[in-house]
Amino acid sequence: MSDSTTNLPPDRFRELREAYLQRLDALWRDMFEHPERITAPIADNRFADPAWRENPLASFAARAHLIHAEAMRELAAAIQTEPKFKTRLQFLVSQWADAMAPSNFLAWNPKAQQRAVETGGASLLQGMQNLLGDLAKGRISQVDESAFEVGRNVATTEGAVVYENDVIQLIQYRPRTARVRGRPLLVVPPCINKYYILDLQPENSFLRYCVEQGNTVFVVSWRNPQAEHGDWTWDDYVAHGPIAAIRAVREIAKADTINALGYCIGGTLLATALSVLAVRGESPAESLTLLTPLLDFADPGMLDVFIDEAHVAMREATIGKDAGGGLMPGRDLANAFSALRPNDLVWNYVVNNYLEGRQPPAFDLLYWNADSTNLPGPMFAWYLRNTYLENNLIRPGRVSCCGEPVDLRRIQAPTYVFGAREDHIVPWRAAYAAARTLAGAAECRFALGASGHIAGTINPVSKNRRSYWVAPEAAVPRRKTRASSRRAERPDAEAWFAAAQERPGSWWADWDRWLARFAGDEKAAPRRLGNRKYPPIEPAPGRYVKEKA
């Protein structure tokens, strides 16, 4: 069968059809012969409210929908075709199934109908007002945005901006211990969203935790690009982001080397920067930490459904460098991420806001999620082509950045890589592949946290939630070949997991113990932030993080 062939074996089709008809027939029989089964609880959060069980017709509709959706998903999974097309087909079927759930329609949603009766129709009027308001904003409201303000009750760890250029502000945090570790820690967050995911509230702030362990902490705050910044490139982000920040941190802390940490695409940018500096004969990182990173894009997660040659060429032709630049709107990026989890991030709010006429909750994480960030077109187009589409970063010398060939093998710093087991944006096996990509690293420790891309990472020690896995031995075998298929990579990841030990609580403590080895001698905490060359510009969190898309 060629890659262009799409086929469903007749025997498999008949098997699926018979199973579907049997489930449907059983449901009809239950409706008339066993009504107690129709009124039993439904194991789906969308239909969990007692109103669904109390209305036999609505319960029947919900159960029938689950049967239809399951049949459609099984049918899509059974089709034999090119893997990329099959993944997209399954994604589209799943989108259709989630959109057509009876809970999304007032005529079939008994809970929304009951609320309309109880409120004398006021919920329907409020729902219409909520809908009109969201149409004006161009997005579904997921949070009560009036409940939060950056710098007032999120992003409140005390510090100051000590350096800035057109692309970033560099924040230094005030020490919270009398003595500090001698080597500073630079944190490079994703540029695709705001840095304060690492500093939401004091009790769940990763940055505050780092400060409390005695680190002198600096964080990059990326600018939210506006129309006049639409010509920025990937090279601009690397040169004026991690490279500029590394230079400033070393000078402020009077340190030959630093400990560097990159989160998500921040890790991709940081690794690229360290590769560029290595070609120039510089090794500024005493250690490197990468949280949910993608360096090897052979298994890029669900975002792969959006990427192909036609899509990338379209972006290059409309907002890429050849087109003279432009912006990838933060709203479009947010919509793409929401589509990966439509029940949680789309239809849940359609029901809550519009059908039931309620206001969305006040939740700091969702406030951050709604605070979207634009990306410059040339930078975005370069990133799509050279990572998701062509996977060039792991091929030594295939691409150049800041005038230097990129070779991630040149990074020799001991490395700690963290992946999240339920991450749908960076699958944990892809994070593990990033660990193996750094073939030149003196050592590499891999840790796997429970939960997803955000909740797995932001897991405070003080709350003692979830768990994480580490192998008895720290080392991760580094891959020596230029690239590998997804199939070739997985056995190594699975073998690692088979040998790993699960430990309760947060991976933060494990990482801090590892980082302490590279922290340097303790010294008295500095009384002032910055120095004469880099005086404080303004209090944290600074201006850049407050700019809206």
Protein backbone atom coordinates (compact mmCIF):
# COMPACT_ATOMS: atom_id res chain seq x y z
CA MET A 1 0.00 0.00 0.00
CA SER A 2 1.48 3.37 -0.99
CA ASP A 3 1.50 6.40 1.30
CA SER A 4 -1.29 7.97 -0.75
CA THR A 5 -3.63 4.99 -0.32
CA THR A 6 -6.52 5.18 2.08
CA ASN A 7 -8.10 1.85 2.89
CA LEU A 8 -10.43 0.24 5.41
CA PRO A 9 -10.29 -3.58 5.33
CA PRO A 10 -13.83 -4.92 4.67
CA ASP A 11 -13.63 -7.43 7.53
CA ARG A 12 -12.68 -4.70 9.99
CA PHE A 13 -15.47 -2.46 8.72
CA ARG A 14 -18.06 -5.23 9.19
CA GLU A 15 -16.70 -5.91 12.68
CA LEU A 16 -17.00 -2.26 13.66
CA ARG A 17 -20.46 -1.96 12.13
CA GLU A 18 -21.74 -5.00 14.01
CA ALA A 19 -20.30 -3.75 17.30
CA TYR A 20 -21.87 -0.33 16.76
CA LEU A 21 -25.30 -1.76 15.93
CA GLN A 22 -25.17 -4.08 18.92
CA ARG A 23 -24.38 -1.21 21.30
CA LEU A 24 -27.15 0.89 19.78
CA ASP A 25 -29.65 -1.97 19.94
CA ALA A 26 -28.77 -2.57 23.59
CA LEU A 27 -29.39 1.10 24.34
CA TRP A 28 -32.83 0.99 22.70
CA ARG A 29 -33.72 -2.13 24.69
CA ASP A 30 -32.62 -0.46 27.91
CA MET A 31 -34.80 2.54 27.13
CA PHE A 32 -37.97 0.42 27.11
CA GLU A 33 -37.09 -2.71 29.08
CA HIS A 34 -34.54 -1.55 31.69
CA PRO A 35 -35.19 2.13 32.46
CA GLU A 36 -33.02 1.87 35.58
CA ARG A 37 -30.01 1.54 33.31
CA ILE A 38 -30.92 4.73 31.46
CA THR A 39 -31.13 6.64 34.74
CA ALA A 40 -27.83 5.27 36.07
CA PRO A 41 -24.88 7.72 36.36
CA ILE A 42 -22.94 8.39 33.14
CA ALA A 43 -19.16 8.17 33.43
CA ASP A 44 -18.54 11.45 31.60
CA ASN A 45 -18.15 14.83 33.29
CA ARG A 46 -20.28 16.51 30.63
CA PHE A 47 -23.28 14.46 31.72
CA ALA A 48 -22.52 14.07 35.43
CA ASP A 49 -25.18 16.45 36.76
CA PRO A 50 -28.24 14.67 38.23
CA ALA A 51 -30.45 16.52 35.74
CA TRP A 52 -29.21 14.18 33.01
CA ARG A 53 -30.26 11.08 34.94
CA GLU A 54 -33.61 12.57 35.91
CA ASN A 55 -34.53 13.18 32.27
CA PRO A 56 -34.69 9.81 30.43
CA LEU A 57 -34.75 11.42 26.98
CA ALA A 58 -31.68 13.53 27.72
CA SER A 59 -29.91 10.53 29.25
CA PHE A 60 -30.71 8.49 26.16
CA ALA A 61 -29.34 11.26 23.91
CA ALA A 62 -26.12 11.47 25.94
CA ARG A 63 -25.60 7.70 25.85
CA ALA A 64 -26.39 7.53 22.13
CA HIS A 65 -23.87 10.31 21.47
CA LEU A 66 -21.15 8.41 23.34
CA ILE A 67 -21.90 5.33 21.22
CA HIS A 68 -21.78 7.34 17.98
CA ALA A 69 -18.55 9.10 19.00
CA GLU A 70 -16.87 5.86 19.97
CA ALA A 71 -17.84 4.28 16.66
CA MET A 72 -16.49 7.22 14.69
CA ARG A 73 -13.20 7.15 16.58
CA GLU A 74 -12.85 3.41 16.08
CA LEU A 75 -13.55 3.82 12.38
CA ALA A 76 -10.90 6.55 12.02
CA ALA A 77 -8.39 4.43 13.93
CA ALA A 78 -9.03 1.44 11.67
CA ILE A 79 -8.37 3.26 8.42
CA GLN A 80 -5.05 2.31 6.85
CA THR A 81 -3.36 5.36 5.40
CA GLU A 82 -0.33 7.61 5.65
CA PRO A 83 0.38 8.32 9.36
CA LYS A 84 0.14 12.11 9.11
CA PHE A 85 -3.23 11.94 7.33
CA LYS A 86 -4.51 9.37 9.83
CA THR A 87 -3.53 11.58 12.78
CA ARG A 88 -5.36 14.51 11.23
CA LEU A 89 -8.39 12.38 10.47
CA GLN A 90 -8.55 11.18 14.06
CA PHE A 91 -8.14 14.76 15.29
CA LEU A 92 -10.99 16.01 13.09
CA VAL A 93 -13.28 13.16 14.11
CA SER A 94 -12.55 13.91 17.75
CA GLN A 95 -13.28 17.61 17.18
CA TRP A 96 -16.59 16.72 15.53
CA ALA A 97 -17.55 14.32 18.32
CA ASP A 98 -16.82 16.86 21.05
CA ALA A 99 -18.66 19.65 19.21
CA MET A 100 -21.80 17.55 18.65
CA ALA A 101 -22.25 16.50 22.27
CA PRO A 102 -25.87 17.12 23.36
CA SER A 103 -24.55 19.06 26.37
CA ASN A 104 -23.54 21.85 23.95
CA PHE A 105 -27.14 22.47 22.83
CA LEU A 106 -29.87 24.08 24.91
CA ALA A 107 -32.53 21.81 23.39
CA TRP A 108 -30.75 18.71 24.76
CA ASN A 109 -29.14 20.03 27.96
CA PRO A 110 -31.51 19.45 30.92
CA LYS A 111 -29.22 21.23 33.38
CA ALA A 112 -29.27 24.44 31.31
CA GLN A 113 -33.04 24.12 30.84
CA GLN A 114 -33.54 23.66 34.57
CA ARG A 115 -31.46 26.76 35.30
CA ALA A 116 -33.49 28.78 32.80
CA VAL A 117 -36.70 27.80 34.59
CA GLU A 118 -35.23 28.51 38.04
CA THR A 119 -34.02 31.98 37.00
CA GLY A 120 -37.17 32.89 35.09
CA GLY A 121 -35.16 33.10 31.85
CA ALA A 122 -32.53 35.43 33.32
CA SER A 123 -29.80 32.85 32.67
CA LEU A 124 -30.63 32.87 28.95
CA LEU A 125 -30.47 36.66 28.84
CA GLN A 126 -27.16 36.68 30.68
CA GLY A 127 -25.86 33.94 28.42
CA MET A 128 -26.70 36.04 25.36
CA GLN A 129 -24.91 39.02 26.89
CA ASN A 130 -21.88 36.83 27.61
CA LEU A 131 -21.92 35.60 24.01
CA LEU A 132 -22.10 39.12 22.58
CA GLY A 133 -19.26 40.21 24.83
CA ASP A 134 -17.08 37.33 23.70
CA LEU A 135 -17.88 38.01 20.05
CA ALA A 136 -16.61 41.55 20.58
CA LYS A 137 -13.41 40.20 22.19
CA GLY A 138 -12.96 37.55 19.51
CA ARG A 139 -12.54 34.70 21.99
CA ILE A 140 -14.37 32.65 24.58
CA SER A 141 -13.88 33.96 28.11
CA GLN A 142 -12.32 31.28 30.30
CA VAL A 143 -11.73 33.36 33.42
CA ASP A 144 -12.92 36.41 35.31
CA GLU A 145 -10.12 38.67 34.14
CA SER A 146 -11.14 41.47 36.51
CA ALA A 147 -9.99 39.35 39.47
CA PHE A 148 -6.29 39.56 38.58
CA GLU A 149 -3.69 42.15 37.74
CA VAL A 150 -0.06 41.46 36.86
CA GLY A 151 2.11 42.84 39.63
CA ARG A 152 -0.77 43.08 42.12
CA ASN A 153 -1.83 39.49 42.77
CA VAL A 154 0.09 37.53 40.13
CA ALA A 155 3.81 37.93 39.34
CA THR A 156 4.46 39.43 42.76
CA THR A 157 7.89 38.04 43.72
CA GLU A 158 9.99 41.06 44.71
CA GLY A 159 12.69 42.17 42.30
CA ALA A 160 13.66 44.70 39.67
CA VAL A 161 14.33 44.97 35.97
CA VAL A 162 18.11 45.37 35.70
CA TYR A 163 18.56 45.17 31.93
CA GLU A 164 16.41 45.61 28.86
CA ASN A 165 16.61 45.73 25.09
CA ASP A 166 13.90 45.77 22.43
CA VAL A 167 13.20 42.05 22.86
CA ILE A 168 13.50 41.31 26.60
CA GLN A 169 13.60 42.70 30.07
CA LEU A 170 15.84 40.91 32.56
CA ILE A 171 14.45 40.70 36.10
CA GLN A 172 16.63 40.04 39.13
CA TYR A 173 14.84 38.90 42.28
CA ARG A 174 15.64 40.13 45.77
CA PRO A 175 17.27 37.48 47.99
CA ARG A 176 15.13 35.85 50.66
CA THR A 177 18.04 34.23 52.52
CA ALA A 178 20.95 35.82 54.42
CA ARG A 179 23.45 33.89 52.35
CA VAL A 180 23.17 32.88 48.70
CA ARG A 181 24.76 30.37 46.40
CA GLY A 182 27.69 31.83 44.54
CA ARG A 183 26.60 30.95 41.03
CA PRO A 184 23.48 32.74 39.66
CA LEU A 185 20.50 31.04 38.02
CA LEU A 186 19.10 32.39 34.74
CA VAL A 187 15.59 31.26 33.77
CA VAL A 188 14.47 31.50 30.13
CA PRO A 189 10.69 30.94 29.91
CA PRO A 190 8.70 30.38 26.70
CA CYS A 191 8.34 33.39 24.41
CA ILE A 192 5.00 32.04 23.26
CA ASN A 193 3.35 33.15 26.51
CA LYS A 194 4.07 35.28 29.59
CA TYR A 195 6.84 34.38 32.01
CA TYR A 196 4.66 34.58 35.11
CA ILE A 197 3.40 31.05 34.68
CA LEU A 198 6.51 30.51 36.83
CA ASP A 199 5.36 33.16 39.33
CA LEU A 200 1.58 32.99 39.65
CA GLN A 201 0.99 33.07 43.41
CA PRO A 202 3.55 32.91 46.26
CA GLU A 203 2.46 29.37 47.17
CA ASN A 204 2.94 27.98 43.65
CA SER A 205 5.73 30.22 42.32
CA PHE A 206 8.66 28.26 40.93
CA LEU A 207 10.76 31.43 40.80
CA ARG A 208 10.06 32.24 44.44
CA TYR A 209 11.00 28.66 45.36
CA CYS A 210 14.33 29.07 43.55
CA VAL A 211 15.00 32.28 45.46
CA GLU A 212 14.09 30.64 48.77
CA GLN A 213 16.68 27.91 48.14
CA GLY A 214 19.38 30.58 48.16
CA ASN A 215 19.77 31.13 44.43
CA THR A 216 20.38 34.55 42.91
CA VAL A 217 17.62 34.32 40.32
CA PHE A 218 17.23 36.18 37.04
CA VAL A 219 14.35 35.64 34.61
CA VAL A 220 13.83 36.75 31.02
CA SER A 221 10.58 38.63 30.41
CA TRP A 222 9.86 38.54 26.68
CA ARG A 223 8.30 41.52 25.00
CA ASN A 224 4.83 41.08 23.53
CA PRO A 225 5.56 42.06 19.90
CA GLN A 226 3.40 44.72 18.28
CA ALA A 227 3.03 45.65 14.60
CA GLU A 228 6.34 47.55 14.52
CA HIS A 229 8.19 44.41 15.65
CA GLY A 230 6.86 42.20 12.86
CA ASP A 231 10.27 41.80 11.21
CA TRP A 232 12.04 40.15 14.16
CA THR A 233 13.71 36.84 13.33
CA TRP A 234 14.73 33.71 15.21
CA ASP A 235 18.27 35.10 15.30
CA ASP A 236 16.94 38.27 16.97
CA TYR A 237 15.31 36.19 19.68
CA VAL A 238 18.47 34.17 20.31
CA ALA A 239 20.87 37.13 20.21
CA HIS A 240 18.76 39.60 22.19
CA GLY A 241 17.22 36.95 24.41
CA PRO A 242 19.39 34.23 26.00
CA ILE A 243 22.74 35.48 24.71
CA ALA A 244 22.15 39.05 25.91
CA ALA A 245 20.76 37.81 29.21
CA ILE A 246 23.70 35.47 29.82
CA ARG A 247 26.12 38.34 29.29
CA ALA A 248 24.26 40.66 31.65
CA VAL A 249 23.85 38.02 34.39
CA ARG A 250 27.55 37.14 34.31
CA GLU A 251 28.51 40.80 34.61
CA ILE A 252 26.03 41.61 37.37
CA ALA A 253 26.92 38.52 39.43
CA LYS A 254 30.63 38.71 38.55
CA ALA A 255 30.44 35.04 37.60
CA ASP A 256 32.45 33.25 34.94
CA THR A 257 29.67 30.71 34.55
CA ILE A 258 25.98 30.52 35.41
CA ASN A 259 23.32 27.88 35.90
CA ALA A 260 20.82 28.18 33.05
CA LEU A 261 17.25 26.91 32.83
CA GLY A 262 14.91 26.90 29.81
CA TYR A 263 11.21 26.02 29.81
CA CYS A 264 9.47 24.65 26.69
CA ILE A 265 10.44 26.78 23.66
CA GLY A 266 12.57 28.80 26.07
CA GLY A 267 14.69 25.66 26.33
CA THR A 268 14.91 25.44 22.54
CA LEU A 269 16.09 29.05 22.36
CA LEU A 270 18.51 28.57 25.26
CA ALA A 271 20.05 25.42 23.76
CA THR A 272 20.44 27.19 20.42
CA ALA A 273 22.15 30.12 22.15
CA LEU A 274 24.56 27.85 24.02
CA SER A 275 25.41 26.10 20.75
CA VAL A 276 26.15 29.47 19.11
CA LEU A 277 28.36 30.51 22.04
CA ALA A 278 30.17 27.15 21.96
CA VAL A 279 31.16 27.73 18.33
CA ARG A 280 32.55 31.08 19.47
CA GLY A 281 34.64 29.37 22.12
CA GLU A 282 32.42 30.27 25.08
CA SER A 283 30.99 27.87 27.65
CA PRO A 284 29.02 30.10 30.02
CA ALA A 285 26.74 27.40 31.49
CA GLU A 286 27.98 25.49 34.53
CA SER A 287 24.77 23.47 34.30
CA LEU A 288 21.73 23.37 32.04
CA THR A 289 18.15 22.56 32.99
CA LEU A 290 15.46 21.98 30.36
CA LEU A 291 11.81 21.70 31.36
CA THR A 292 9.43 19.95 28.91
CA PRO A 293 11.79 20.76 26.01
CA LEU A 294 11.65 19.95 22.32
CA LEU A 295 15.02 19.67 20.59
CA ASP A 296 14.28 16.56 18.56
CA PHE A 297 10.93 17.18 16.85
CA ALA A 298 10.44 13.65 15.51
CA ASP A 299 7.53 13.25 17.95
CA PRO A 300 6.15 16.79 18.38
CA GLY A 301 2.86 15.90 20.01
CA MET A 302 -0.61 16.96 18.95
CA LEU A 303 0.57 20.25 17.50
CA ASP A 304 1.84 18.20 14.57
CA VAL A 305 -1.71 18.06 13.19
CA PHE A 306 -1.42 21.73 12.24
CA ILE A 307 1.97 21.50 10.50
CA ASP A 308 2.71 20.53 6.90
CA GLU A 309 4.57 22.02 3.94
CA ALA A 310 1.52 23.89 2.68
CA HIS A 311 0.83 25.49 6.06
CA VAL A 312 4.44 26.52 6.61
CA ALA A 313 4.73 27.89 3.06
CA MET A 314 1.56 29.90 3.65
CA ARG A 315 3.01 31.44 6.80
CA GLU A 316 6.25 32.22 5.01
CA ALA A 317 4.36 33.87 2.15
CA THR A 318 2.11 35.97 4.40
CA ILE A 319 4.10 36.90 7.52
CA GLY A 320 7.55 35.40 6.94
CA LYS A 321 10.76 37.21 6.10
CA ASP A 322 10.19 37.00 2.36
CA ALA A 323 6.81 38.68 2.84
CA GLY A 324 8.37 41.55 4.75
CA GLY A 325 7.17 40.36 8.13
CA GLY A 326 4.00 40.61 10.14
CA LEU A 327 2.56 39.12 13.31
CA MET A 328 1.25 35.73 14.28
CA PRO A 329 -1.57 36.93 16.55
CA GLY A 330 -1.61 35.60 20.08
CA ARG A 331 -5.34 34.95 19.72
CA ASP A 332 -4.69 32.48 16.89
CA LEU A 333 -2.05 30.68 18.93
CA ALA A 334 -4.41 30.48 21.91
CA ASN A 335 -7.19 29.07 19.72
CA ALA A 336 -4.85 26.41 18.36
CA PHE A 337 -3.86 25.29 21.87
CA SER A 338 -7.50 25.31 23.01
CA ALA A 339 -8.42 23.04 20.08
CA LEU A 340 -6.12 20.38 21.51
CA ARG A 341 -8.38 20.10 24.57
CA PRO A 342 -11.77 21.31 23.32
CA ASN A 343 -13.93 19.89 26.08
CA ASP A 344 -11.87 21.56 28.79
CA LEU A 345 -10.99 24.81 27.02
CA VAL A 346 -13.89 25.44 24.61
CA TRP A 347 -17.15 23.57 25.14
CA ASN A 348 -17.00 23.70 28.91
CA TYR A 349 -17.19 27.50 28.68
CA VAL A 350 -19.83 27.45 25.95
CA VAL A 351 -22.08 25.57 28.37
CA ASN A 352 -21.13 27.58 31.46
CA ASN A 353 -21.09 31.05 29.93
CA TYR A 354 -23.80 30.89 27.26
CA LEU A 355 -26.25 28.07 28.02
CA GLU A 356 -26.24 28.48 31.79
CA GLY A 357 -25.52 32.22 31.83
CA ARG A 358 -22.80 31.99 34.47
CA GLN A 359 -19.62 34.00 34.78
CA PRO A 360 -16.31 32.17 34.28
CA PRO A 361 -14.31 31.47 37.46
CA ALA A 362 -11.47 33.52 38.94
CA PHE A 363 -8.48 31.20 38.43
CA ASP A 364 -4.90 32.47 38.16
CA LEU A 365 -3.77 29.78 35.69
CA LEU A 366 -6.64 30.53 33.32
CA TYR A 367 -5.93 34.26 33.63
CA TRP A 368 -2.38 33.59 32.48
CA ASN A 369 -3.67 31.32 29.72
CA ALA A 370 -5.88 34.15 28.41
CA ASP A 371 -3.01 36.67 28.50
CA SER A 372 -1.82 35.76 25.02
CA THR A 373 1.39 36.74 23.25
CA ASN A 374 2.00 37.62 19.60
CA LEU A 375 4.97 36.25 17.69
CA PRO A 376 6.87 37.99 14.87
CA GLY A 377 6.14 36.36 11.52
CA PRO A 378 9.75 35.72 10.38
CA MET A 379 10.65 34.19 13.73
CA PHE A 380 7.50 32.05 13.76
CA ALA A 381 7.93 30.86 10.16
CA TRP A 382 11.60 29.94 10.75
CA TYR A 383 10.64 28.02 13.86
CA LEU A 384 7.88 26.06 12.10
CA ARG A 385 10.05 25.04 9.15
CA ASN A 386 13.27 24.21 10.96
CA THR A 387 11.77 22.42 13.94
CA TYR A 388 8.30 20.94 13.48
CA LEU A 389 8.51 20.45 9.72
CA GLU A 390 12.15 19.56 8.99
CA ASN A 391 13.60 18.79 12.44
CA ASN A 392 16.84 20.54 11.58
CA LEU A 393 18.13 21.45 15.04
CA ILE A 394 19.35 17.92 15.75
CA ARG A 395 21.27 17.78 12.45
CA PRO A 396 24.69 19.33 13.12
CA GLY A 397 25.37 22.30 10.86
CA ARG A 398 22.07 22.02 8.97
CA VAL A 399 21.02 25.51 10.04
CA SER A 400 22.88 28.61 11.16
CA CYS A 401 21.94 31.08 13.86
CA CYS A 402 23.59 34.44 14.56
CA GLY A 403 26.11 33.59 11.84
CA GLU A 404 27.18 30.27 13.44
CA PRO A 405 26.32 26.66 12.52
CA VAL A 406 24.05 25.06 15.13
CA ASP A 407 25.44 21.89 16.66
CA LEU A 408 23.78 20.90 19.93
CA ARG A 409 26.51 18.32 20.55
CA ARG A 410 28.81 21.20 21.47
CA ILE A 411 26.86 21.83 24.67
CA GLN A 412 28.94 20.13 27.37
CA ALA A 413 27.26 21.38 30.55
CA PRO A 414 25.78 18.76 32.89
CA THR A 415 22.06 18.72 32.12
CA TYR A 416 18.80 18.03 33.95
CA VAL A 417 15.79 17.37 31.72
CA PHE A 418 12.21 17.23 32.98
CA GLY A 419 9.25 15.78 31.11
CA ALA A 420 5.57 15.48 32.07
CA ARG A 421 3.89 12.11 31.66
CA GLU A 422 0.51 13.41 30.39
CA ASP A 423 1.91 16.32 28.37
CA HIS A 424 -0.01 16.71 25.08
CA ILE A 425 2.19 19.58 23.85
CA VAL A 426 5.61 17.99 24.47
CA PRO A 427 5.15 14.22 24.86
CA TRP A 428 7.41 12.92 27.61
CA ARG A 429 9.22 10.62 25.18
CA ALA A 430 10.10 13.70 23.11
CA ALA A 431 11.49 15.36 26.25
CA TYR A 432 13.52 12.21 26.84
CA ALA A 433 14.74 12.41 23.24
CA ALA A 434 15.94 15.96 23.99
CA ALA A 435 18.05 14.53 26.81
CA ARG A 436 19.63 12.04 24.43
CA THR A 437 20.18 14.72 21.79
CA LEU A 438 22.72 16.51 23.98
CA ALA A 439 25.46 14.04 23.14
CA GLY A 440 28.25 16.29 24.41
CA ALA A 441 26.80 16.88 27.87
CA ALA A 442 29.06 15.72 30.69
CA GLU A 443 26.07 14.04 32.31
CA CYS A 444 22.31 14.11 31.90
CA ARG A 445 19.63 13.39 34.49
CA PHE A 446 16.05 12.84 33.36
CA ALA A 447 13.02 13.22 35.62
CA LEU A 448 9.41 12.50 34.69
CA GLY A 449 6.58 14.23 36.51
CA ALA A 450 2.94 13.25 36.77
CA SER A 451 0.23 15.32 35.05
CA GLY A 452 0.56 17.61 32.04
CA HIS A 453 2.58 20.40 30.46
CA ILE A 454 1.69 23.03 33.08
CA ALA A 455 0.44 21.13 36.13
CA GLY A 456 3.33 18.68 35.93
CA THR A 457 5.87 21.49 35.88
CA ILE A 458 4.22 23.82 38.40
CA ASN A 459 4.03 21.35 41.28
CA PRO A 460 5.15 23.06 44.52
CA VAL A 461 7.06 21.09 47.10
CA SER A 462 4.96 22.58 49.88
CA LYS A 463 1.74 21.00 48.58
CA ASN A 464 3.25 17.50 48.38
CA ARG A 465 1.06 16.52 45.43
CA ARG A 466 1.46 14.05 42.61
CA SER A 467 4.70 12.17 42.06
CA TYR A 468 7.70 11.90 39.77
CA TRP A 469 9.98 9.21 38.38
CA VAL A 470 13.77 9.11 38.30
CA ALA A 471 16.11 6.30 37.33
CA PRO A 472 18.43 4.80 39.96
CA GLU A 473 21.37 6.10 37.94
CA ALA A 474 21.46 9.69 36.73
CA ALA A 475 22.88 9.16 33.27
CA VAL A 476 20.74 9.09 30.15
CA PRO A 477 22.42 7.47 27.12
CA ARG A 478 23.01 10.15 24.51
CA ARG A 479 22.21 9.41 20.91
CA LYS A 480 25.20 9.51 18.60
CA THR A 481 23.36 9.41 15.30
CA ARG A 482 22.08 12.50 13.55
CA ALA A 483 18.43 11.61 13.80
CA SER A 484 16.22 8.69 14.57
CA SER A 485 12.73 7.63 13.82
CA ARG A 486 10.00 7.77 16.41
CA ARG A 487 9.98 3.99 16.53
CA ALA A 488 13.72 3.80 17.20
CA GLU A 489 13.51 6.35 20.02
CA ARG A 490 10.72 4.81 22.03
CA PRO A 491 12.37 1.61 23.25
CA ASP A 492 15.04 3.65 25.00
CA ALA A 493 12.43 5.82 26.69
CA GLU A 494 10.38 2.80 27.66
CA ALA A 495 13.45 1.02 28.99
CA TRP A 496 14.22 4.10 31.09
CA PHE A 497 10.70 4.16 32.48
CA ALA A 498 10.78 0.45 33.25
CA ALA A 499 13.87 1.01 35.40
CA ALA A 500 12.68 4.29 36.95
CA GLN A 501 11.45 4.62 40.52
CA GLU A 502 8.31 6.58 41.41
CA ARG A 503 8.67 9.01 44.27
CA PRO A 504 5.88 10.96 45.95
CA GLY A 505 5.71 14.74 45.81
CA SER A 506 7.34 17.32 43.58
CA TRP A 507 10.33 16.94 41.30
CA TRP A 508 11.44 20.44 42.42
CA ALA A 509 13.29 19.02 45.44
CA ASP A 510 15.13 16.45 43.30
CA TRP A 511 16.16 19.17 40.87
CA ASP A 512 17.32 21.49 43.66
CA ARG A 513 19.52 18.76 45.12
CA TRP A 514 21.03 18.25 41.68
CA LEU A 515 21.47 22.00 41.11
CA ALA A 516 23.25 22.43 44.47
CA ARG A 517 26.23 20.55 43.04
CA PHE A 518 26.81 23.42 40.61
CA ALA A 519 25.79 26.31 42.85
CA GLY A 520 29.27 27.42 43.95
CA ASP A 521 30.38 28.58 47.37
CA GLU A 522 27.95 30.49 49.52
CA LYS A 523 28.37 34.20 50.13
CA ALA A 524 26.50 37.02 51.79
CA ALA A 525 23.34 37.99 49.94
CA PRO A 526 23.75 41.19 47.89
CA ARG A 527 22.05 44.20 49.45
CA ARG A 528 21.32 45.82 46.09
CA LEU A 529 20.00 44.54 42.79
CA GLY A 530 21.99 45.05 39.60
CA ASN A 531 25.23 46.99 39.73
CA ARG A 532 26.67 50.27 38.55
CA LYS A 533 26.59 49.22 34.90
CA TYR A 534 23.15 47.63 35.25
CA PRO A 535 21.16 49.77 37.71
CA PRO A 536 17.54 48.88 38.47
CA ILE A 537 15.26 50.29 35.76
CA GLU A 538 11.88 49.62 37.37
CA PRO A 539 10.33 47.22 39.91
CA ALA A 540 9.38 43.72 38.87
CA PRO A 541 7.42 42.54 36.96
CA GLY A 542 8.32 45.38 34.56
CA ARG A 543 6.55 46.88 31.58
CA TYR A 544 7.01 44.20 28.92
CA VAL A 545 4.93 41.54 30.66
CA LYS A 546 2.00 43.96 30.93
CA GLU A 547 1.78 44.58 27.18
CA LYS A 548 -1.30 42.98 25.64
CA ALA A 549 -1.51 41.09 22.36
